[in-house]
Amino acid sequence: KNEDILKSYLKENNNHFVYETKEGKLAITEYKKI
């Protein structure tokens, strides 16, 4: 999209892999396509 705000909850497992889950911490990222 030309621009968007991404909101999700992130958690890291024992293998250092981060994934989205409702049990994680809130993450917010804004972006704009250039």
Full PDB file with SEQRES, HELIX, SHEET, SSBOND, CRYST1, ORIGX, SCALE, CONECT and MASTER records, all heavy atoms in Angstrom:
SEQRES   1 A   34  LYS ASN GLU ASP ILE LEU LYS SER TYR LEU LYS GLU ASN          
SEQRES   2 A   34  ASN ASN HIS PHE VAL TYR GLU THR LYS GLU GLY LYS LEU          
SEQRES   3 A   34  ALA ILE THR GLU TYR LYS LYS ILE                              
SHEET    1 AA1 3 VAL A  18  GLU A  20  0                                        
SHEET    2 AA1 3 GLU A   3  GLU A  12 -1                                        
SHEET    3 AA1 3 LYS A  25  LYS A  32 -1                                        
CRYST1    1.000    1.000    1.000  90.00  90.00  90.00 P 1           1          
ORIGX1      1.000000  0.000000  0.000000        0.00000                         
ORIGX2      0.000000  1.000000  0.000000        0.00000                         
ORIGX3      0.000000  0.000000  1.000000        0.00000                         
SCALE1      1.000000  0.000000  0.000000        0.00000                         
SCALE2      0.000000  1.000000  0.000000        0.00000                         
SCALE3      0.000000  0.000000  1.000000        0.00000                         
ATOM      1  N   LYS A   1       0.845  -1.191   0.000  1.00  0.00           N  
ATOM      2  CA  LYS A   1       0.000   0.000   0.000  1.00  0.00           C  
ATOM      3  C   LYS A   1       0.883   1.246   0.000  1.00  0.00           C  
ATOM      4  O   LYS A   1       2.045   1.192   0.372  1.00  0.00           O  
ATOM      5  CB  LYS A   1      -0.889   0.021   1.244  1.00  0.00           C  
ATOM      6  CG  LYS A   1      -1.889  -1.111   1.338  1.00  0.00           C  
ATOM      7  CD  LYS A   1      -2.675  -0.990   2.635  1.00  0.00           C  
ATOM      8  CE  LYS A   1      -3.681  -2.106   2.798  1.00  0.00           C  
ATOM      9  NZ  LYS A   1      -4.421  -1.993   4.096  1.00  0.00           N  
ATOM     10  N   ASN A   2       0.303   2.362  -0.398  1.00  0.00           N  
ATOM     11  CA  ASN A   2       1.075   3.611  -0.408  1.00  0.00           C  
ATOM     12  C   ASN A   2       1.569   3.980   0.982  1.00  0.00           C  
ATOM     13  O   ASN A   2       2.666   4.515   1.144  1.00  0.00           O  
ATOM     14  CB  ASN A   2       0.246   4.747  -0.986  1.00  0.00           C  
ATOM     15  CG  ASN A   2       0.083   4.615  -2.492  1.00  0.00           C  
ATOM     16  OD1 ASN A   2       0.888   3.979  -3.158  1.00  0.00           O  
ATOM     17  ND2 ASN A   2      -0.979   5.211  -3.018  1.00  0.00           N  
ATOM     18  N   GLU A   3       0.770   3.684   2.000  1.00  0.00           N  
ATOM     19  CA  GLU A   3       1.178   3.897   3.380  1.00  0.00           C  
ATOM     20  C   GLU A   3       0.272   3.088   4.296  1.00  0.00           C  
ATOM     21  O   GLU A   3      -0.857   2.750   3.942  1.00  0.00           O  
ATOM     22  CB  GLU A   3       1.156   5.375   3.761  1.00  0.00           C  
ATOM     23  CG  GLU A   3      -0.173   6.064   3.574  1.00  0.00           C  
ATOM     24  CD  GLU A   3      -0.070   7.546   3.895  1.00  0.00           C  
ATOM     25  OE1 GLU A   3       0.291   8.323   2.998  1.00  0.00           O  
ATOM     26  OE2 GLU A   3      -0.338   7.918   5.065  1.00  0.00           O  
ATOM     27  N   ASP A   4       0.802   2.789   5.487  1.00  0.00           N  
ATOM     28  CA  ASP A   4       0.018   1.976   6.416  1.00  0.00           C  
ATOM     29  C   ASP A   4       0.671   2.038   7.800  1.00  0.00           C  
ATOM     30  O   ASP A   4       1.825   2.453   7.939  1.00  0.00           O  
ATOM     31  CB  ASP A   4      -0.058   0.528   5.940  1.00  0.00           C  
ATOM     32  CG  ASP A   4      -1.258  -0.211   6.516  1.00  0.00           C  
ATOM     33  OD1 ASP A   4      -1.991   0.378   7.348  1.00  0.00           O  
ATOM     34  OD2 ASP A   4      -1.464  -1.386   6.148  1.00  0.00           O  
ATOM     35  N   ILE A   5      -0.106   1.634   8.804  1.00  0.00           N  
ATOM     36  CA  ILE A   5       0.402   1.474  10.166  1.00  0.00           C  
ATOM     37  C   ILE A   5       0.212   0.014  10.543  1.00  0.00           C  
ATOM     38  O   ILE A   5      -0.914  -0.502  10.529  1.00  0.00           O  
ATOM     39  CB  ILE A   5      -0.326   2.387  11.167  1.00  0.00           C  
ATOM     40  CG1 ILE A   5      -0.157   3.863  10.779  1.00  0.00           C  
ATOM     41  CG2 ILE A   5       0.193   2.150  12.581  1.00  0.00           C  
ATOM     42  CD1 ILE A   5      -0.944   4.817  11.654  1.00  0.00           C  
ATOM     43  N   LEU A   6       1.309  -0.667  10.865  1.00  0.00           N  
ATOM     44  CA  LEU A   6       1.261  -2.081  11.215  1.00  0.00           C  
ATOM     45  C   LEU A   6       1.269  -2.218  12.736  1.00  0.00           C  
ATOM     46  O   LEU A   6       2.145  -1.685  13.409  1.00  0.00           O  
ATOM     47  CB  LEU A   6       2.462  -2.824  10.626  1.00  0.00           C  
ATOM     48  CG  LEU A   6       2.692  -2.651   9.116  1.00  0.00           C  
ATOM     49  CD1 LEU A   6       3.924  -3.435   8.676  1.00  0.00           C  
ATOM     50  CD2 LEU A   6       1.469  -3.074   8.325  1.00  0.00           C  
ATOM     51  N   LYS A   7       0.277  -2.938  13.257  1.00  0.00           N  
ATOM     52  CA  LYS A   7       0.196  -3.178  14.702  1.00  0.00           C  
ATOM     53  C   LYS A   7       0.029  -4.669  14.945  1.00  0.00           C  
ATOM     54  O   LYS A   7      -0.839  -5.316  14.354  1.00  0.00           O  
ATOM     55  CB  LYS A   7      -0.989  -2.423  15.311  1.00  0.00           C  
ATOM     56  CG  LYS A   7      -0.861  -0.914  15.274  1.00  0.00           C  
ATOM     57  CD  LYS A   7      -2.048  -0.255  15.972  1.00  0.00           C  
ATOM     58  CE  LYS A   7      -1.917   1.270  15.947  1.00  0.00           C  
ATOM     59  NZ  LYS A   7      -3.059   1.932  16.643  1.00  0.00           N  
ATOM     60  N   SER A   8       0.871  -5.218  15.799  1.00  0.00           N  
ATOM     61  CA  SER A   8       0.759  -6.622  16.168  1.00  0.00           C  
ATOM     62  C   SER A   8       1.497  -6.833  17.479  1.00  0.00           C  
ATOM     63  O   SER A   8       2.145  -5.919  18.000  1.00  0.00           O  
ATOM     64  CB  SER A   8       1.316  -7.535  15.070  1.00  0.00           C  
ATOM     65  OG  SER A   8       2.693  -7.266  14.841  1.00  0.00           O  
ATOM     66  N   TYR A   9       1.403  -8.050  18.010  1.00  0.00           N  
ATOM     67  CA  TYR A   9       2.062  -8.395  19.260  1.00  0.00           C  
ATOM     68  C   TYR A   9       3.138  -9.435  18.980  1.00  0.00           C  
ATOM     69  O   TYR A   9       2.876 -10.446  18.317  1.00  0.00           O  
ATOM     70  CB  TYR A   9       1.040  -8.913  20.274  1.00  0.00           C  
ATOM     71  CG  TYR A   9       0.039  -7.860  20.677  1.00  0.00           C  
ATOM     72  CD1 TYR A   9      -1.108  -7.634  19.908  1.00  0.00           C  
ATOM     73  CD2 TYR A   9       0.241  -7.071  21.805  1.00  0.00           C  
ATOM     74  CE1 TYR A   9      -2.023  -6.653  20.262  1.00  0.00           C  
ATOM     75  CE2 TYR A   9      -0.670  -6.079  22.162  1.00  0.00           C  
ATOM     76  CZ  TYR A   9      -1.799  -5.875  21.393  1.00  0.00           C  
ATOM     77  OH  TYR A   9      -2.685  -4.896  21.742  1.00  0.00           O  
ATOM     78  N   LEU A  10       4.351  -9.172  19.467  1.00  0.00           N  
ATOM     79  CA  LEU A  10       5.500 -10.003  19.114  1.00  0.00           C  
ATOM     80  C   LEU A  10       6.071 -10.726  20.338  1.00  0.00           C  
ATOM     81  O   LEU A  10       6.111 -10.167  21.436  1.00  0.00           O  
ATOM     82  CB  LEU A  10       6.599  -9.153  18.479  1.00  0.00           C  
ATOM     83  CG  LEU A  10       6.211  -8.297  17.272  1.00  0.00           C  
ATOM     84  CD1 LEU A  10       7.441  -7.572  16.736  1.00  0.00           C  
ATOM     85  CD2 LEU A  10       5.548  -9.135  16.187  1.00  0.00           C  
ATOM     86  N   LYS A  11       6.542 -11.950  20.083  1.00  0.00           N  
ATOM     87  CA  LYS A  11       7.155 -12.760  21.136  1.00  0.00           C  
ATOM     88  C   LYS A  11       8.314 -13.545  20.545  1.00  0.00           C  
ATOM     89  O   LYS A  11       8.271 -13.941  19.380  1.00  0.00           O  
ATOM     90  CB  LYS A  11       6.109 -13.715  21.732  1.00  0.00           C  
ATOM     91  CG  LYS A  11       6.577 -14.464  22.970  1.00  0.00           C  
ATOM     92  CD  LYS A  11       5.433 -15.280  23.564  1.00  0.00           C  
ATOM     93  CE  LYS A  11       5.866 -15.998  24.840  1.00  0.00           C  
ATOM     94  NZ  LYS A  11       4.739 -16.772  25.437  1.00  0.00           N  
ATOM     95  N   GLU A  12       9.346 -13.793  21.337  1.00  0.00           N  
ATOM     96  CA  GLU A  12      10.526 -14.532  20.878  1.00  0.00           C  
ATOM     97  C   GLU A  12      10.546 -15.919  21.512  1.00  0.00           C  
ATOM     98  O   GLU A  12      10.326 -16.070  22.720  1.00  0.00           O  
ATOM     99  CB  GLU A  12      11.800 -13.782  21.257  1.00  0.00           C  
ATOM    100  CG  GLU A  12      13.081 -14.438  20.757  1.00  0.00           C  
ATOM    101  CD  GLU A  12      14.323 -13.636  21.129  1.00  0.00           C  
ATOM    102  OE1 GLU A  12      14.179 -12.640  21.870  1.00  0.00           O  
ATOM    103  OE2 GLU A  12      15.431 -14.010  20.687  1.00  0.00           O  
ATOM    104  N   ASN A  13      10.819 -16.961  20.693  1.00  0.00           N  
ATOM    105  CA  ASN A  13      10.895 -18.319  21.243  1.00  0.00           C  
ATOM    106  C   ASN A  13      12.326 -18.663  21.654  1.00  0.00           C  
ATOM    107  O   ASN A  13      13.238 -17.833  21.550  1.00  0.00           O  
ATOM    108  CB  ASN A  13      10.332 -19.353  20.262  1.00  0.00           C  
ATOM    109  CG  ASN A  13      11.148 -19.457  18.974  1.00  0.00           C  
ATOM    110  OD1 ASN A  13      12.328 -19.093  18.927  1.00  0.00           O  
ATOM    111  ND2 ASN A  13      10.515 -19.958  17.923  1.00  0.00           N  
ATOM    112  N   ASN A  14      12.531 -19.878  22.107  1.00  0.00           N  
ATOM    113  CA  ASN A  14      13.847 -20.303  22.605  1.00  0.00           C  
ATOM    114  C   ASN A  14      14.908 -20.372  21.516  1.00  0.00           C  
ATOM    115  O   ASN A  14      16.102 -20.413  21.806  1.00  0.00           O  
ATOM    116  CB  ASN A  14      13.734 -21.655  23.296  1.00  0.00           C  
ATOM    117  CG  ASN A  14      12.922 -21.579  24.583  1.00  0.00           C  
ATOM    118  OD1 ASN A  14      12.854 -20.530  25.214  1.00  0.00           O  
ATOM    119  ND2 ASN A  14      12.279 -22.681  24.952  1.00  0.00           N  
ATOM    120  N   ASN A  15      14.485 -20.402  20.262  1.00  0.00           N  
ATOM    121  CA  ASN A  15      15.418 -20.442  19.137  1.00  0.00           C  
ATOM    122  C   ASN A  15      15.689 -19.051  18.564  1.00  0.00           C  
ATOM    123  O   ASN A  15      16.195 -18.919  17.448  1.00  0.00           O  
ATOM    124  CB  ASN A  15      14.873 -21.361  18.038  1.00  0.00           C  
ATOM    125  CG  ASN A  15      14.802 -22.800  18.489  1.00  0.00           C  
ATOM    126  OD1 ASN A  15      15.702 -23.302  19.163  1.00  0.00           O  
ATOM    127  ND2 ASN A  15      13.704 -23.489  18.133  1.00  0.00           N  
ATOM    128  N   HIS A  16      15.328 -18.010  19.317  1.00  0.00           N  
ATOM    129  CA  HIS A  16      15.550 -16.610  18.924  1.00  0.00           C  
ATOM    130  C   HIS A  16      14.752 -16.224  17.677  1.00  0.00           C  
ATOM    131  O   HIS A  16      15.162 -15.336  16.922  1.00  0.00           O  
ATOM    132  CB  HIS A  16      17.043 -16.325  18.708  1.00  0.00           C  
ATOM    133  CG  HIS A  16      17.894 -16.718  19.872  1.00  0.00           C  
ATOM    134  ND1 HIS A  16      17.804 -16.093  21.103  1.00  0.00           N  
ATOM    135  CD2 HIS A  16      18.840 -17.682  20.002  1.00  0.00           C  
ATOM    136  CE1 HIS A  16      18.660 -16.643  21.940  1.00  0.00           C  
ATOM    137  NE2 HIS A  16      19.289 -17.615  21.313  1.00  0.00           N  
ATOM    138  N   PHE A  17      13.631 -16.889  17.461  1.00  0.00           N  
ATOM    139  CA  PHE A  17      12.745 -16.566  16.346  1.00  0.00           C  
ATOM    140  C   PHE A  17      11.578 -15.757  16.894  1.00  0.00           C  
ATOM    141  O   PHE A  17      10.913 -16.162  17.847  1.00  0.00           O  
ATOM    142  CB  PHE A  17      12.242 -17.841  15.675  1.00  0.00           C  
ATOM    143  CG  PHE A  17      11.433 -17.595  14.432  1.00  0.00           C  
ATOM    144  CD1 PHE A  17      12.051 -17.440  13.205  1.00  0.00           C  
ATOM    145  CD2 PHE A  17      10.048 -17.536  14.500  1.00  0.00           C  
ATOM    146  CE1 PHE A  17      11.304 -17.224  12.055  1.00  0.00           C  
ATOM    147  CE2 PHE A  17       9.292 -17.311  13.358  1.00  0.00           C  
ATOM    148  CZ  PHE A  17       9.929 -17.157  12.135  1.00  0.00           C  
ATOM    149  N   VAL A  18      11.333 -14.595  16.301  1.00  0.00           N  
ATOM    150  CA  VAL A  18      10.260 -13.717  16.756  1.00  0.00           C  
ATOM    151  C   VAL A  18       9.020 -13.951  15.903  1.00  0.00           C  
ATOM    152  O   VAL A  18       9.109 -14.059  14.677  1.00  0.00           O  
ATOM    153  CB  VAL A  18      10.695 -12.238  16.688  1.00  0.00           C  
ATOM    154  CG1 VAL A  18       9.579 -11.321  17.191  1.00  0.00           C  
ATOM    155  CG2 VAL A  18      11.964 -12.015  17.516  1.00  0.00           C  
ATOM    156  N   TYR A  19       7.869 -14.017  16.548  1.00  0.00           N  
ATOM    157  CA  TYR A  19       6.636 -14.295  15.816  1.00  0.00           C  
ATOM    158  C   TYR A  19       5.486 -13.475  16.401  1.00  0.00           C  
ATOM    159  O   TYR A  19       5.582 -12.940  17.516  1.00  0.00           O  
ATOM    160  CB  TYR A  19       6.298 -15.783  15.859  1.00  0.00           C  
ATOM    161  CG  TYR A  19       6.118 -16.354  17.250  1.00  0.00           C  
ATOM    162  CD1 TYR A  19       4.847 -16.546  17.791  1.00  0.00           C  
ATOM    163  CD2 TYR A  19       7.219 -16.695  18.038  1.00  0.00           C  
ATOM    164  CE1 TYR A  19       4.672 -17.064  19.064  1.00  0.00           C  
ATOM    165  CE2 TYR A  19       7.065 -17.219  19.316  1.00  0.00           C  
ATOM    166  CZ  TYR A  19       5.784 -17.393  19.823  1.00  0.00           C  
ATOM    167  OH  TYR A  19       5.622 -17.901  21.083  1.00  0.00           O  
ATOM    168  N   GLU A  20       4.411 -13.377  15.641  1.00  0.00           N  
ATOM    169  CA  GLU A  20       3.245 -12.607  16.061  1.00  0.00           C  
ATOM    170  C   GLU A  20       2.290 -13.499  16.848  1.00  0.00           C  
ATOM    171  O   GLU A  20       1.949 -14.597  16.419  1.00  0.00           O  
ATOM    172  CB  GLU A  20       2.536 -12.018  14.837  1.00  0.00           C  
ATOM    173  CG  GLU A  20       3.383 -10.988  14.091  1.00  0.00           C  
ATOM    174  CD  GLU A  20       2.686 -10.396  12.882  1.00  0.00           C  
ATOM    175  OE1 GLU A  20       1.998 -11.157  12.177  1.00  0.00           O  
ATOM    176  OE2 GLU A  20       2.842  -9.193  12.652  1.00  0.00           O  
ATOM    177  N   THR A  21       1.873 -12.996  18.008  1.00  0.00           N  
ATOM    178  CA  THR A  21       0.949 -13.732  18.866  1.00  0.00           C  
ATOM    179  C   THR A  21       0.284 -12.755  19.828  1.00  0.00           C  
ATOM    180  O   THR A  21       0.881 -11.742  20.215  1.00  0.00           O  
ATOM    181  CB  THR A  21       1.677 -14.827  19.672  1.00  0.00           C  
ATOM    182  OG1 THR A  21       0.769 -15.398  20.621  1.00  0.00           O  
ATOM    183  CG2 THR A  21       2.884 -14.264  20.412  1.00  0.00           C  
ATOM    184  N   LYS A  22      -0.937 -13.046  20.222  1.00  0.00           N  
ATOM    185  CA  LYS A  22      -1.653 -12.168  21.146  1.00  0.00           C  
ATOM    186  C   LYS A  22      -0.990 -12.117  22.519  1.00  0.00           C  
ATOM    187  O   LYS A  22      -1.237 -11.199  23.301  1.00  0.00           O  
ATOM    188  CB  LYS A  22      -3.104 -12.636  21.287  1.00  0.00           C  
ATOM    189  CG  LYS A  22      -3.926 -12.470  20.019  1.00  0.00           C  
ATOM    190  CD  LYS A  22      -5.357 -12.933  20.226  1.00  0.00           C  
ATOM    191  CE  LYS A  22      -6.183 -12.757  18.950  1.00  0.00           C  
ATOM    192  NZ  LYS A  22      -7.577 -13.230  19.135  1.00  0.00           N  
ATOM    193  N   GLU A  23      -0.136 -13.102  22.814  1.00  0.00           N  
ATOM    194  CA  GLU A  23       0.543 -13.136  24.108  1.00  0.00           C  
ATOM    195  C   GLU A  23       1.827 -12.292  24.114  1.00  0.00           C  
ATOM    196  O   GLU A  23       2.538 -12.232  25.129  1.00  0.00           O  
ATOM    197  CB  GLU A  23       0.904 -14.576  24.496  1.00  0.00           C  
ATOM    198  CG  GLU A  23      -0.278 -15.440  24.900  1.00  0.00           C  
ATOM    199  CD  GLU A  23      -1.131 -15.850  23.720  1.00  0.00           C  
ATOM    200  OE1 GLU A  23      -0.547 -16.144  22.659  1.00  0.00           O  
ATOM    201  OE2 GLU A  23      -2.374 -15.848  23.855  1.00  0.00           O  
ATOM    202  N   GLY A  24       2.152 -11.660  22.996  1.00  0.00           N  
ATOM    203  CA  GLY A  24       3.400 -10.902  22.900  1.00  0.00           C  
ATOM    204  C   GLY A  24       3.258  -9.453  23.321  1.00  0.00           C  
ATOM    205  O   GLY A  24       2.246  -9.038  23.884  1.00  0.00           O  
ATOM    206  N   LYS A  25       4.309  -8.659  23.013  1.00  0.00           N  
ATOM    207  CA  LYS A  25       4.334  -7.236  23.329  1.00  0.00           C  
ATOM    208  C   LYS A  25       3.937  -6.414  22.099  1.00  0.00           C  
ATOM    209  O   LYS A  25       4.293  -6.759  20.974  1.00  0.00           O  
ATOM    210  CB  LYS A  25       5.735  -6.819  23.797  1.00  0.00           C  
ATOM    211  CG  LYS A  25       6.145  -7.459  25.107  1.00  0.00           C  
ATOM    212  CD  LYS A  25       7.533  -6.982  25.532  1.00  0.00           C  
ATOM    213  CE  LYS A  25       7.927  -7.583  26.872  1.00  0.00           C  
ATOM    214  NZ  LYS A  25       9.279  -7.138  27.319  1.00  0.00           N  
ATOM    215  N   LEU A  26       3.216  -5.333  22.324  1.00  0.00           N  
ATOM    216  CA  LEU A  26       2.714  -4.505  21.231  1.00  0.00           C  
ATOM    217  C   LEU A  26       3.860  -3.907  20.422  1.00  0.00           C  
ATOM    218  O   LEU A  26       4.821  -3.371  20.968  1.00  0.00           O  
ATOM    219  CB  LEU A  26       1.844  -3.380  21.779  1.00  0.00           C  
ATOM    220  CG  LEU A  26       1.291  -2.378  20.750  1.00  0.00           C  
ATOM    221  CD1 LEU A  26       0.356  -3.064  19.762  1.00  0.00           C  
ATOM    222  CD2 LEU A  26       0.580  -1.230  21.462  1.00  0.00           C  
ATOM    223  N   ALA A  27       3.751  -4.008  19.089  1.00  0.00           N  
ATOM    224  CA  ALA A  27       4.724  -3.413  18.171  1.00  0.00           C  
ATOM    225  C   ALA A  27       3.967  -2.574  17.146  1.00  0.00           C  
ATOM    226  O   ALA A  27       2.976  -3.035  16.571  1.00  0.00           O  
ATOM    227  CB  ALA A  27       5.541  -4.498  17.476  1.00  0.00           C  
ATOM    228  N   ILE A  28       4.448  -1.343  16.921  1.00  0.00           N  
ATOM    229  CA  ILE A  28       3.788  -0.438  15.978  1.00  0.00           C  
ATOM    230  C   ILE A  28       4.818   0.101  14.995  1.00  0.00           C  
ATOM    231  O   ILE A  28       5.858   0.636  15.394  1.00  0.00           O  
ATOM    232  CB  ILE A  28       3.116   0.740  16.709  1.00  0.00           C  
ATOM    233  CG1 ILE A  28       2.130   0.233  17.763  1.00  0.00           C  
ATOM    234  CG2 ILE A  28       2.411   1.657  15.708  1.00  0.00           C  
ATOM    235  CD1 ILE A  28       1.538   1.330  18.621  1.00  0.00           C  
ATOM    236  N   THR A  29       4.517  -0.059  13.714  1.00  0.00           N  
ATOM    237  CA  THR A  29       5.421   0.382  12.649  1.00  0.00           C  
ATOM    238  C   THR A  29       4.627   1.169  11.613  1.00  0.00           C  
ATOM    239  O   THR A  29       3.631   0.669  11.092  1.00  0.00           O  
ATOM    240  CB  THR A  29       6.086  -0.826  11.955  1.00  0.00           C  
ATOM    241  OG1 THR A  29       6.809  -1.586  12.914  1.00  0.00           O  
ATOM    242  CG2 THR A  29       7.028  -0.373  10.851  1.00  0.00           C  
ATOM    243  N   GLU A  30       5.064   2.385  11.320  1.00  0.00           N  
ATOM    244  CA  GLU A  30       4.473   3.170  10.237  1.00  0.00           C  
ATOM    245  C   GLU A  30       5.361   3.075   9.004  1.00  0.00           C  
ATOM    246  O   GLU A  30       6.585   3.036   9.127  1.00  0.00           O  
ATOM    247  CB  GLU A  30       4.350   4.647  10.638  1.00  0.00           C  
ATOM    248  CG  GLU A  30       3.420   4.913  11.787  1.00  0.00           C  
ATOM    249  CD  GLU A  30       3.346   6.394  12.134  1.00  0.00           C  
ATOM    250  OE1 GLU A  30       4.158   7.173  11.587  1.00  0.00           O  
ATOM    251  OE2 GLU A  30       2.490   6.764  12.941  1.00  0.00           O  
ATOM    252  N   TYR A  31       4.748   3.044   7.825  1.00  0.00           N  
ATOM    253  CA  TYR A  31       5.584   3.079   6.625  1.00  0.00           C  
ATOM    254  C   TYR A  31       4.894   3.866   5.516  1.00  0.00           C  
ATOM    255  O   TYR A  31       3.667   4.025   5.504  1.00  0.00           O  
ATOM    256  CB  TYR A  31       5.926   1.665   6.140  1.00  0.00           C  
ATOM    257  CG  TYR A  31       4.816   0.947   5.382  1.00  0.00           C  
ATOM    258  CD1 TYR A  31       4.598   1.181   4.019  1.00  0.00           C  
ATOM    259  CD2 TYR A  31       3.998   0.028   6.025  1.00  0.00           C  
ATOM    260  CE1 TYR A  31       3.592   0.528   3.325  1.00  0.00           C  
ATOM    261  CE2 TYR A  31       3.003  -0.646   5.340  1.00  0.00           C  
ATOM    262  CZ  TYR A  31       2.791  -0.381   3.995  1.00  0.00           C  
ATOM    263  OH  TYR A  31       1.789  -1.032   3.304  1.00  0.00           O  
ATOM    264  N   LYS A  32       5.723   4.338   4.581  1.00  0.00           N  
ATOM    265  CA  LYS A  32       5.235   5.044   3.404  1.00  0.00           C  
ATOM    266  C   LYS A  32       6.035   4.571   2.201  1.00  0.00           C  
ATOM    267  O   LYS A  32       7.259   4.527   2.237  1.00  0.00           O  
ATOM    268  CB  LYS A  32       5.415   6.555   3.586  1.00  0.00           C  
ATOM    269  CG  LYS A  32       4.885   7.391   2.436  1.00  0.00           C  
ATOM    270  CD  LYS A  32       5.035   8.880   2.735  1.00  0.00           C  
ATOM    271  CE  LYS A  32       4.464   9.732   1.617  1.00  0.00           C  
ATOM    272  NZ  LYS A  32       4.588  11.183   1.918  1.00  0.00           N  
ATOM    273  N   LYS A  33       5.346   4.186   1.141  1.00  0.00           N  
ATOM    274  CA  LYS A  33       6.024   3.722  -0.075  1.00  0.00           C  
ATOM    275  C   LYS A  33       6.627   4.904  -0.813  1.00  0.00           C  
ATOM    276  O   LYS A  33       5.975   5.925  -1.017  1.00  0.00           O  
ATOM    277  CB  LYS A  33       5.044   2.975  -0.988  1.00  0.00           C  
ATOM    278  CG  LYS A  33       5.687   2.409  -2.253  1.00  0.00           C  
ATOM    279  CD  LYS A  33       4.758   1.432  -2.954  1.00  0.00           C  
ATOM    280  CE  LYS A  33       3.483   2.096  -3.409  1.00  0.00           C  
ATOM    281  NZ  LYS A  33       2.583   1.146  -4.102  1.00  0.00           N  
ATOM    282  N   ILE A  34       7.886   4.764  -1.247  1.00  0.00           N  
ATOM    283  CA  ILE A  34       8.540   5.863  -1.954  1.00  0.00           C  
ATOM    284  C   ILE A  34       8.919   5.497  -3.387  1.00  0.00           C  
ATOM    285  O   ILE A  34       9.234   6.359  -4.194  1.00  0.00           O  
ATOM    286  CB  ILE A  34       9.802   6.328  -1.191  1.00  0.00           C  
ATOM    287  CG1 ILE A  34      10.680   5.146  -0.804  1.00  0.00           C  
ATOM    288  CG2 ILE A  34       9.422   7.126   0.030  1.00  0.00           C  
ATOM    289  CD1 ILE A  34      11.912   5.528  -0.012  1.00  0.00           C  
TER     290      ILE A  34                                                      
MASTER        0    0    0    0    3    0    0    6  289    1    0    3          
END                                                                             
